[in-house]
Every structure is written in structure tokens, then in C-alpha cells.
Amino acid sequence: MATYVLRRLSQTVIVLLGVSVAVFLMGQLVPGDPAVVMLGPAASADAVAELRRDLGLDESLWIQYGRFIERLVTEGSLGESIRTNREVLDEVLDRLPYTLVLAVLAVTLATILGITGGVVAAINRGKLIDSAILVVTTGGLSVPSFWVALLMIWLFAVRLGWLPVAGAGSWKHLVLPTLTLALPSIATKARLTRSAMLEILNQEYIRTARSKGLHEQTVLLRHALRNALIPVITIVGLQFGALLGGAFITESIFGWPGVGQLAVNSILQRDFPIVQGTVLLVTVSFVMMNLIVDLLYAWSDPRIRYR
């Protein structure tokens, strides 16, 4: 186990280095000159050239990347926003709590509804409720999130007037973006739980437990569901990281002031340091969540042997 942990940690370091290179090059390859963006299109060529020298943009890419890594490691700095002149990390951290609240609520809702739906479908295999859950989950995986978001706005905000269209400030503002983020995850967890439960319900130890006269609820919860949750644990962790990335579109549609909305606005305003910072944050979060899930999976299932 210790060898596996060290190997996964070393692999994570390599991945993070690759991510840093990709994020840095992304800022370099995006069309547009940061100096021109900062000074405006009316700035003279001499002023632009001077600002490029001050920012180190006239150096080679390798030198710029070295300074980027050095500043990140020693100062924890991702540079300054072109639009606000604030530290990128400060801008991102100001928005991060909004995105985390949205992601945690979506994961919690998806886990509860997904596991419950999967168990109900499995114990009623072949019945009407099983077919209904399969139809709903298929639709949840097939329909694009942005279309679901627009449909919810039209129904619950415009037609019924129950919920606000966009913004933040109360629990009502969380309902629509949380549902939009959670729906695909609910469908995935429900189908995965159903498959795992159906496989486990056919195992010998389940038939043995029933033959001993144990109550059906005890058989389902203590023996079947407990083992069926092992693959679900994996997908919960991975989808939490994925939801941070999926929040980009959802936050923009609902005007939720999180990291996703900050990233989209920064792209439109050509604020490249902010774009780099948000992409780096989401990617690092996803990589670290992968690592945590792998370690938890190895700890929770003693049958696994890593070499």
C-alpha cells in the first residue's frame, strides 16, 4: 500500500507539471497581446513595446515559463489581472466559495437521489418503476445541460415565477443551478447503482442471508448495498471534480458569481491571467480528487492488490 501511495503521488506531481505547461502555453497561444489589452487599442507602438519589456513578454517562452513556475512556487502568485490589477489568486479565491457550495450541493443531491433510484430500480427489475427510472436516467444523460438550464428558467422562473432567473443572495438562487448540475450525475449514479445491485443480488452470500431468515431490508442495506457502493464511491469523487468544470456553463447561464462565471467573463474580456488561474484551479482540483479517490478505493476494498 505504501509503495502504491508513493507511486500515485509521484504520478500526480508529473501530471501537475504537465498541467502547468498546458495552462502557460494556453495563455501564450490565445490571440491578442496582453500589453495592447492593458493599454488599449489607441496606445502607441513604443508604449506597447515598453510594457511588453516590463512584463517580460519579449523573453523566450522557456524563460517566461520558468518565471511563471518560480512565482507560483515561491510566492503562490499566478500574476495580476489585466482588468482589475488584482492578484489572480485573490480574484479566484473570492469566487471559489460560490462554486464549492454549488458543487457540494449538486454532488449531495445527486448521490442521494442517484443511489435511491438505482436501488429502487434494481429491486423492482422488469417492473414499470424500473422502466420509468431507466427512461428518466437515459434522458438525463442525453439532454445537454445548457438546454436543461434554459428549460428550467422558462418553466420555474418565467412561467411559474417560483424562483429567480439569475444571481445570488438567497437559497432560491441555488435551486435551479444545483438541479442543472446534478441531473446528469443523478442519472450516472442511478444506472451504476442499479447495475451493481443486480450483480450483487445474484451472489451466493445474498441467497444465504435470505435463507437464514434475515429481513429483506437487512439483506438489501447491510449486505447488498454496502458492497454495491464501492464503485459508486469512485464515481462520486470523480464527478465532484467534473462538476467544477461543468459549473462554467451553468454559472454563466444563471449569473451565479462563481469561478465559472469569472472564467467566461475573463475570456470575453481577454483577461488571460484570470483564464489561466481558473483553468489551473479546476484542473488541479480534478487531479487531486482522482488521487484521493484512488487512495480511498484502495483503503475501502481490501481485495484490491496494487503492484
Protein backbone atom coordinates (compact mmCIF):
# COMPACT_ATOMS: atom_id res chain seq x y z
CA MET A 1 0.00 0.00 0.00
CA ALA A 2 2.79 2.43 0.90
CA THR A 3 4.50 1.74 -2.43
CA TYR A 4 1.27 2.40 -4.28
CA VAL A 5 0.73 5.70 -2.43
CA LEU A 6 4.25 6.89 -3.28
CA ARG A 7 3.83 5.89 -6.92
CA ARG A 8 0.49 7.71 -7.19
CA LEU A 9 1.97 10.82 -5.55
CA SER A 10 4.89 10.86 -7.99
CA GLN A 11 2.50 10.41 -10.92
CA THR A 12 0.39 13.29 -9.61
CA VAL A 13 3.44 15.58 -9.49
CA ILE A 14 4.24 14.75 -13.13
CA VAL A 15 0.62 15.40 -14.16
CA LEU A 16 0.58 18.74 -12.34
CA LEU A 17 3.77 19.79 -14.12
CA GLY A 18 2.18 18.90 -17.43
CA VAL A 19 -0.91 20.89 -16.46
CA SER A 20 1.22 23.92 -15.62
CA VAL A 21 2.87 23.75 -19.06
CA ALA A 22 -0.50 23.43 -20.81
CA VAL A 23 -2.01 26.34 -18.85
CA PHE A 24 1.00 28.55 -19.54
CA LEU A 25 1.02 27.78 -23.27
CA MET A 26 -2.72 28.37 -23.42
CA GLY A 27 -2.16 31.95 -22.34
CA GLN A 28 0.60 32.38 -24.89
CA LEU A 29 -1.28 30.90 -27.84
CA VAL A 30 -4.58 32.73 -27.35
CA PRO A 31 -4.85 35.52 -29.98
CA GLY A 32 -4.26 39.02 -28.66
CA ASP A 33 -1.44 40.91 -26.96
CA PRO A 34 -1.87 41.44 -23.19
CA ALA A 35 0.05 44.72 -23.47
CA VAL A 36 -2.39 46.02 -26.06
CA VAL A 37 -5.32 44.86 -23.93
CA MET A 38 -3.95 46.69 -20.88
CA LEU A 39 -3.11 49.94 -22.71
CA GLY A 40 -5.99 49.95 -25.16
CA PRO A 41 -6.04 49.95 -28.97
CA ALA A 42 -5.12 53.64 -29.11
CA ALA A 43 -1.74 53.11 -27.40
CA SER A 44 1.42 53.87 -29.38
CA ALA A 45 3.80 51.14 -30.52
CA ASP A 46 6.54 52.47 -28.21
CA ALA A 47 4.24 52.31 -25.18
CA VAL A 48 3.22 48.76 -26.05
CA ALA A 49 6.84 47.70 -26.54
CA GLU A 50 7.86 49.24 -23.21
CA LEU A 51 5.05 47.48 -21.35
CA ARG A 52 5.97 44.18 -23.01
CA ARG A 53 9.53 44.60 -21.68
CA ASP A 54 8.25 45.42 -18.19
CA LEU A 55 6.03 42.32 -18.22
CA GLY A 56 8.79 40.12 -19.62
CA LEU A 57 6.73 39.29 -22.70
CA ASP A 58 9.69 39.89 -25.01
CA GLU A 59 11.60 36.96 -23.44
CA SER A 60 11.58 33.42 -24.81
CA LEU A 61 8.76 31.08 -23.82
CA TRP A 62 11.05 28.94 -21.66
CA ILE A 63 12.22 31.94 -19.65
CA GLN A 64 8.65 33.15 -19.22
CA TYR A 65 7.57 29.66 -18.12
CA GLY A 66 10.43 29.47 -15.63
CA ARG A 67 9.38 32.77 -14.11
CA PHE A 68 5.77 31.60 -14.07
CA ILE A 69 6.69 28.47 -12.09
CA GLU A 70 9.10 30.34 -9.81
CA ARG A 71 6.48 32.94 -8.95
CA LEU A 72 3.86 30.24 -8.42
CA VAL A 73 6.05 28.10 -6.14
CA THR A 74 7.81 30.81 -4.13
CA GLU A 75 5.09 33.45 -3.91
CA GLY A 76 1.94 31.49 -4.63
CA SER A 77 1.22 34.05 -7.33
CA LEU A 78 -0.42 33.50 -10.71
CA GLY A 79 0.18 37.06 -11.82
CA GLU A 80 -2.17 40.02 -11.90
CA SER A 81 -5.49 40.51 -13.60
CA ILE A 82 -5.27 42.71 -16.67
CA ARG A 83 -8.70 44.14 -15.96
CA THR A 84 -8.52 44.83 -12.19
CA ASN A 85 -4.75 44.72 -11.47
CA ARG A 86 -5.51 42.43 -8.52
CA GLU A 87 -3.72 39.17 -7.82
CA VAL A 88 -5.24 36.36 -9.87
CA LEU A 89 -5.32 34.09 -6.83
CA ASP A 90 -7.27 36.69 -4.85
CA GLU A 91 -9.79 37.06 -7.68
CA VAL A 92 -10.25 33.29 -7.90
CA LEU A 93 -10.48 32.75 -4.13
CA ASP A 94 -13.17 35.43 -3.88
CA ARG A 95 -15.34 33.41 -6.27
CA LEU A 96 -14.35 29.90 -5.13
CA PRO A 97 -16.81 29.60 -2.18
CA TYR A 98 -19.77 30.14 -4.53
CA THR A 99 -18.60 27.35 -6.84
CA LEU A 100 -17.84 25.00 -3.95
CA VAL A 101 -21.31 25.50 -2.46
CA LEU A 102 -22.88 24.75 -5.82
CA ALA A 103 -20.71 21.67 -6.42
CA VAL A 104 -21.20 20.23 -2.90
CA LEU A 105 -24.98 20.65 -3.08
CA ALA A 106 -25.09 19.11 -6.56
CA VAL A 107 -22.96 16.12 -5.50
CA THR A 108 -25.02 15.59 -2.34
CA LEU A 109 -28.32 15.75 -4.21
CA ALA A 110 -27.04 13.52 -7.00
CA THR A 111 -25.68 10.94 -4.55
CA ILE A 112 -28.90 10.70 -2.52
CA LEU A 113 -31.28 10.60 -5.48
CA GLY A 114 -28.99 8.52 -7.69
CA ILE A 115 -28.36 5.77 -5.15
CA THR A 116 -32.01 5.70 -4.08
CA GLY A 117 -33.20 5.50 -7.67
CA GLY A 118 -30.69 2.77 -8.51
CA VAL A 119 -31.71 0.64 -5.53
CA VAL A 120 -35.42 1.06 -6.26
CA ALA A 121 -34.87 0.12 -9.91
CA ALA A 122 -32.82 -2.94 -9.01
CA ILE A 123 -35.28 -4.43 -6.51
CA ASN A 124 -38.12 -3.81 -8.97
CA ARG A 125 -36.31 -5.14 -12.03
CA GLY A 126 -38.57 -5.53 -15.04
CA LYS A 127 -41.45 -3.63 -13.47
CA LEU A 128 -42.93 -0.31 -14.53
CA ILE A 129 -40.95 1.74 -12.00
CA ASP A 130 -37.69 0.18 -13.23
CA SER A 131 -38.53 1.10 -16.82
CA ALA A 132 -39.51 4.64 -15.78
CA ILE A 133 -36.22 5.18 -13.94
CA LEU A 134 -34.24 3.87 -16.91
CA VAL A 135 -36.08 6.24 -19.27
CA VAL A 136 -35.52 9.23 -16.98
CA THR A 137 -31.82 8.45 -16.46
CA THR A 138 -31.27 7.96 -20.18
CA GLY A 139 -32.81 11.37 -20.78
CA GLY A 140 -30.65 12.88 -18.04
CA LEU A 141 -27.51 11.63 -19.76
CA SER A 142 -28.64 12.59 -23.26
CA VAL A 143 -30.01 16.12 -22.86
CA PRO A 144 -27.37 18.93 -22.84
CA SER A 145 -27.06 20.82 -19.56
CA PHE A 146 -27.47 24.22 -21.18
CA TRP A 147 -30.82 23.13 -22.67
CA VAL A 148 -31.98 21.85 -19.28
CA ALA A 149 -30.95 25.18 -17.72
CA LEU A 150 -32.91 27.22 -20.25
CA LEU A 151 -35.95 24.95 -19.87
CA MET A 152 -35.88 25.33 -16.08
CA ILE A 153 -35.60 29.11 -16.36
CA TRP A 154 -38.58 29.19 -18.71
CA LEU A 155 -40.71 26.90 -16.53
CA PHE A 156 -39.88 27.78 -12.92
CA ALA A 157 -38.81 31.42 -13.29
CA VAL A 158 -40.72 32.81 -16.28
CA ARG A 159 -43.93 30.80 -16.41
CA LEU A 160 -44.49 29.88 -12.75
CA GLY A 161 -42.49 32.67 -11.11
CA TRP A 162 -41.42 30.41 -8.25
CA LEU A 163 -37.67 31.01 -8.48
CA PRO A 164 -35.38 33.87 -9.55
CA VAL A 165 -33.88 33.77 -13.03
CA ALA A 166 -30.29 34.55 -12.04
CA GLY A 167 -27.99 36.00 -9.40
CA ALA A 168 -27.16 35.09 -5.80
CA GLY A 169 -28.38 36.13 -2.39
CA SER A 170 -30.80 33.50 -1.08
CA TRP A 171 -31.39 29.77 -1.13
CA LYS A 172 -33.83 30.21 -4.00
CA HIS A 173 -30.99 31.31 -6.27
CA LEU A 174 -29.29 27.94 -5.65
CA VAL A 175 -32.18 25.71 -6.69
CA LEU A 176 -32.03 25.93 -10.48
CA PRO A 177 -28.22 25.82 -10.94
CA THR A 178 -27.95 22.95 -8.43
CA LEU A 179 -30.60 20.91 -10.25
CA THR A 180 -28.98 21.63 -13.61
CA LEU A 181 -25.58 20.45 -12.40
CA ALA A 182 -26.97 17.44 -10.54
CA LEU A 183 -29.20 15.90 -13.23
CA PRO A 184 -26.51 14.18 -15.35
CA SER A 185 -24.79 12.98 -12.17
CA ILE A 186 -28.06 11.60 -10.79
CA ALA A 187 -28.55 9.59 -13.96
CA THR A 188 -25.00 8.20 -13.87
CA LYS A 189 -25.17 7.15 -10.22
CA ALA A 190 -28.64 5.62 -10.60
CA ARG A 191 -27.61 3.44 -13.54
CA LEU A 192 -24.32 2.45 -11.87
CA THR A 193 -26.05 1.59 -8.58
CA ARG A 194 -28.71 -0.44 -10.41
CA SER A 195 -26.09 -2.47 -12.30
CA ALA A 196 -24.03 -3.09 -9.16
CA MET A 197 -27.08 -4.09 -7.12
CA LEU A 198 -28.35 -6.50 -9.78
CA GLU A 199 -24.96 -8.19 -9.92
CA ILE A 200 -24.67 -8.49 -6.14
CA LEU A 201 -28.26 -9.67 -5.59
CA ASN A 202 -27.37 -12.79 -7.62
CA GLN A 203 -24.39 -13.66 -5.41
CA GLU A 204 -24.38 -16.76 -3.21
CA TYR A 205 -23.97 -14.86 0.06
CA ILE A 206 -27.18 -12.89 -0.63
CA ARG A 207 -29.13 -16.13 -1.11
CA THR A 208 -27.50 -17.48 2.07
CA ALA A 209 -28.54 -14.41 4.04
CA ARG A 210 -32.11 -14.78 2.82
CA SER A 211 -32.16 -18.50 3.61
CA LYS A 212 -31.20 -17.68 7.21
CA GLY A 213 -34.43 -15.76 7.55
CA LEU A 214 -32.95 -12.28 7.66
CA HIS A 215 -35.36 -9.44 7.00
CA GLU A 216 -35.29 -8.30 3.35
CA GLN A 217 -34.39 -4.75 4.38
CA THR A 218 -31.37 -6.06 6.28
CA VAL A 219 -30.27 -8.12 3.29
CA LEU A 220 -30.57 -5.16 0.94
CA LEU A 221 -28.96 -2.49 3.12
CA ARG A 222 -26.31 -4.36 5.10
CA HIS A 223 -25.22 -6.98 2.59
CA ALA A 224 -26.11 -5.85 -0.94
CA LEU A 225 -25.97 -2.05 -0.89
CA ARG A 226 -22.82 -1.91 1.21
CA ASN A 227 -20.86 -3.81 -1.44
CA ALA A 228 -22.60 -2.13 -4.35
CA LEU A 229 -21.45 1.30 -3.12
CA ILE A 230 -17.76 0.63 -3.79
CA PRO A 231 -17.86 1.64 -7.48
CA VAL A 232 -20.30 4.45 -6.61
CA ILE A 233 -17.74 5.93 -4.19
CA THR A 234 -15.32 6.16 -7.09
CA ILE A 235 -17.74 7.95 -9.39
CA VAL A 236 -18.80 10.38 -6.62
CA GLY A 237 -15.25 11.61 -6.20
CA LEU A 238 -14.57 11.87 -9.91
CA GLN A 239 -17.81 13.69 -10.61
CA PHE A 240 -17.10 16.25 -7.90
CA GLY A 241 -14.05 17.33 -9.87
CA ALA A 242 -16.02 17.21 -13.11
CA LEU A 243 -18.77 19.40 -11.63
CA LEU A 244 -16.24 22.17 -11.01
CA GLY A 245 -15.61 22.22 -14.74
CA GLY A 246 -19.27 21.84 -15.63
CA ALA A 247 -20.08 24.85 -13.48
CA PHE A 248 -18.56 27.15 -16.13
CA ILE A 249 -21.63 26.95 -18.38
CA THR A 250 -24.20 26.66 -15.58
CA GLU A 251 -22.86 29.64 -13.64
CA SER A 252 -22.83 31.79 -16.77
CA ILE A 253 -26.44 30.94 -17.64
CA PHE A 254 -27.74 31.58 -14.12
CA GLY A 255 -25.48 34.53 -13.34
CA TRP A 256 -24.02 32.68 -10.34
CA PRO A 257 -20.88 34.59 -9.22
CA GLY A 258 -18.53 31.62 -9.07
CA VAL A 259 -15.25 30.65 -10.69
CA GLY A 260 -17.02 29.51 -13.85
CA GLN A 261 -18.65 32.86 -14.48
CA LEU A 262 -15.32 34.58 -13.72
CA ALA A 263 -13.58 32.41 -16.32
CA VAL A 264 -16.17 33.03 -19.04
CA ASN A 265 -16.16 36.79 -18.42
CA SER A 266 -12.36 36.81 -18.46
CA ILE A 267 -12.31 35.03 -21.82
CA LEU A 268 -14.65 37.64 -23.28
CA GLN A 269 -12.53 40.44 -21.81
CA ARG A 270 -9.24 38.78 -22.85
CA ASP A 271 -8.03 38.75 -19.25
CA PHE A 272 -5.60 35.89 -19.88
CA PRO A 273 -4.05 35.64 -16.37
CA ILE A 274 -7.52 35.07 -14.87
CA VAL A 275 -8.30 32.45 -17.51
CA GLN A 276 -5.04 30.67 -16.71
CA GLY A 277 -5.76 30.80 -12.98
CA THR A 278 -9.29 29.40 -13.23
CA VAL A 279 -8.29 26.61 -15.61
CA LEU A 280 -5.32 25.71 -13.38
CA LEU A 281 -7.54 25.63 -10.28
CA VAL A 282 -10.17 23.37 -11.85
CA THR A 283 -7.56 21.04 -13.35
CA VAL A 284 -5.59 20.73 -10.12
CA SER A 285 -8.84 20.08 -8.22
CA PHE A 286 -9.73 17.29 -10.66
CA VAL A 287 -6.27 15.70 -10.45
CA MET A 288 -6.21 15.84 -6.64
CA MET A 289 -9.73 14.39 -6.45
CA ASN A 290 -8.58 11.50 -8.65
CA LEU A 291 -5.72 10.87 -6.24
CA ILE A 292 -7.99 10.95 -3.18
CA VAL A 293 -10.50 8.59 -4.82
CA ASP A 294 -7.76 6.10 -5.72
CA LEU A 295 -6.42 6.11 -2.17
CA LEU A 296 -9.90 5.76 -0.63
CA TYR A 297 -10.73 2.94 -3.03
CA ALA A 298 -7.57 1.05 -2.08
CA TRP A 299 -8.32 1.58 1.60
CA SER A 300 -12.02 0.63 1.41
CA ASP A 301 -11.63 -2.55 -0.64
CA PRO A 302 -9.02 -4.95 0.84
CA ARG A 303 -9.43 -7.30 -2.13
CA ILE A 304 -7.50 -4.90 -4.33
CA ARG A 305 -3.80 -5.60 -4.71
CA TYR A 306 -1.61 -2.90 -6.24
CA ARG A 307 1.81 -3.72 -7.61
